[in-house]
């Protein structure tokens, strides 16, 4: 299972400028917000959560919400993705992998889920 998402970084910048942390709180946990350095990082996290839900085949909604997907980082700064127990069980997910990149005006994320 694979999912990909692309977001224009300027879109995220405008949303953060308009709504400040209130917007970030809509799709990130407090721990994730602490990892966000700027609107570029926030864009990557948004793309990662969208890509993770697309890889499940459902998108963000009733079956998998933003809070069902958690992003952390390794000691070297590589992104890690964890799904809630509910989503893992519902979709029979054994493990997930995440890659985020930024290029010019865009942030892109790719997620794969391995099923049992």
Protein backbone atom coordinates (compact mmCIF):
# COMPACT_ATOMS: atom_id res chain seq x y z
CA UNK A 1 0.00 0.00 0.00
CA UNK A 2 1.45 3.35 -1.05
CA UNK A 3 0.28 6.94 -0.79
CA UNK A 4 1.71 10.28 -1.89
CA UNK A 5 0.78 13.89 -1.23
CA UNK A 6 2.03 17.26 -2.42
CA UNK A 7 1.35 20.66 -0.85
CA UNK A 8 2.38 24.14 -1.88
CA UNK A 9 4.39 25.50 1.06
CA UNK A 10 2.98 29.02 0.64
CA UNK A 11 -0.51 27.64 1.32
CA UNK A 12 0.64 26.39 4.73
CA UNK A 13 2.44 29.67 5.43
CA UNK A 14 -0.75 31.66 4.81
CA UNK A 15 -2.84 29.37 7.03
CA UNK A 16 -0.35 29.63 9.90
CA UNK A 17 -0.13 33.41 9.52
CA UNK A 18 -3.92 33.67 9.59
CA UNK A 19 -4.72 31.16 12.36
CA UNK A 20 -1.37 30.73 14.20
CA UNK A 21 -1.12 27.57 16.32
CA UNK A 22 -4.90 27.04 16.14
CA UNK A 23 -4.44 25.73 12.61
CA UNK A 24 -1.54 23.47 13.60
CA UNK A 25 -3.64 22.05 16.45
CA UNK A 26 -6.24 20.90 13.88
CA UNK A 27 -3.86 18.28 12.43
CA UNK A 28 -0.90 17.95 14.82
CA UNK A 29 -0.48 16.79 18.42
CA UNK A 30 1.40 18.95 20.91
CA UNK A 31 4.47 16.72 20.51
CA UNK A 32 4.33 17.14 16.74
CA UNK A 33 3.93 20.92 17.02
CA UNK A 34 7.13 20.99 19.08
CA UNK A 35 8.94 19.35 16.12
CA UNK A 36 7.65 21.95 13.64
CA UNK A 37 10.40 24.49 13.02
CA UNK A 38 8.54 26.58 10.42
CA UNK A 39 5.84 26.47 7.76
CA UNK A 40 8.05 24.23 5.56
CA UNK A 41 8.17 21.56 8.26
CA UNK A 42 4.43 21.91 8.88
CA UNK A 43 3.84 21.42 5.15
CA UNK A 44 5.82 18.19 5.20
CA UNK A 45 3.86 16.90 8.19
CA UNK A 46 0.56 17.75 6.47
CA UNK A 47 1.65 15.92 3.32
CA UNK A 48 2.80 12.94 5.41
CA UNK A 49 -0.56 12.55 7.14
CA UNK A 50 -2.45 12.92 3.87
CA UNK A 51 -0.16 10.37 2.17
CA UNK A 52 -0.57 7.93 5.08
CA UNK A 53 -4.36 8.06 4.83
CA UNK A 54 -4.26 7.73 1.03
CA UNK A 55 -2.08 4.63 1.38
CA UNK A 56 -4.88 3.12 3.47
CA UNK A 57 -7.29 3.85 0.64
CA UNK A 58 -9.60 6.00 2.72
CA UNK A 59 -8.14 9.51 3.00
CA UNK A 60 -8.58 11.65 6.10
CA UNK A 61 -12.06 11.06 7.50
CA UNK A 62 -14.04 8.73 9.74
CA UNK A 63 -11.81 5.68 9.22
CA UNK A 64 -8.53 7.56 9.78
CA UNK A 65 -8.30 11.05 11.23
CA UNK A 66 -5.31 13.33 11.65
CA UNK A 67 -4.98 12.20 15.28
CA UNK A 68 -4.67 8.55 14.18
CA UNK A 69 -1.34 9.39 12.52
CA UNK A 70 1.67 10.47 14.57
CA UNK A 71 4.96 11.77 13.20
CA UNK A 72 8.17 11.68 15.22
CA UNK A 73 11.82 11.86 14.27
CA UNK A 74 14.85 9.64 14.76
CA UNK A 75 17.94 10.91 16.58
CA UNK A 76 19.32 11.86 13.15
CA UNK A 77 16.17 13.76 12.18
CA UNK A 78 14.56 11.24 9.83
CA UNK A 79 10.75 11.19 10.01
CA UNK A 80 8.91 8.23 11.51
CA UNK A 81 5.21 7.49 11.20
CA UNK A 82 3.03 5.63 13.67
CA UNK A 83 -0.63 4.72 13.27
CA UNK A 84 -3.13 4.39 16.09
CA UNK A 85 -3.92 0.89 17.32
CA UNK A 86 -7.47 1.31 15.94
CA UNK A 87 -6.19 2.02 12.41
CA UNK A 88 -3.55 -0.71 12.55
CA UNK A 89 -6.21 -3.27 13.47
CA UNK A 90 -8.84 -1.99 11.05
CA UNK A 91 -6.46 -2.05 8.07
CA UNK A 92 -4.28 -4.97 9.24
CA UNK A 93 -1.10 -2.84 9.17
CA UNK A 94 2.17 -4.40 10.34
CA UNK A 95 4.49 -1.44 9.70
CA UNK A 96 4.75 1.90 7.89
CA UNK A 97 7.53 3.88 6.22
CA UNK A 98 7.62 7.62 5.52
CA UNK A 99 9.74 9.92 3.38
CA UNK A 100 9.29 13.70 3.25
CA UNK A 101 11.08 16.09 0.90
CA UNK A 102 10.92 19.78 0.11
CA UNK A 103 11.79 21.33 -3.23
CA UNK A 104 11.25 24.97 -4.04
CA UNK A 105 7.62 25.83 -3.40
CA UNK A 106 6.49 22.30 -2.51
CA UNK A 107 6.60 19.65 0.19
CA UNK A 108 6.04 16.04 -0.81
CA UNK A 109 5.54 12.92 1.28
CA UNK A 110 5.39 9.25 0.38
CA UNK A 111 4.10 6.58 2.77
CA UNK A 112 4.03 2.82 2.48
CA UNK A 113 2.15 0.44 4.74
CA UNK A 114 2.99 -3.23 5.02
CA UNK A 115 0.04 -5.46 5.83
CA UNK A 116 0.14 -8.66 7.86
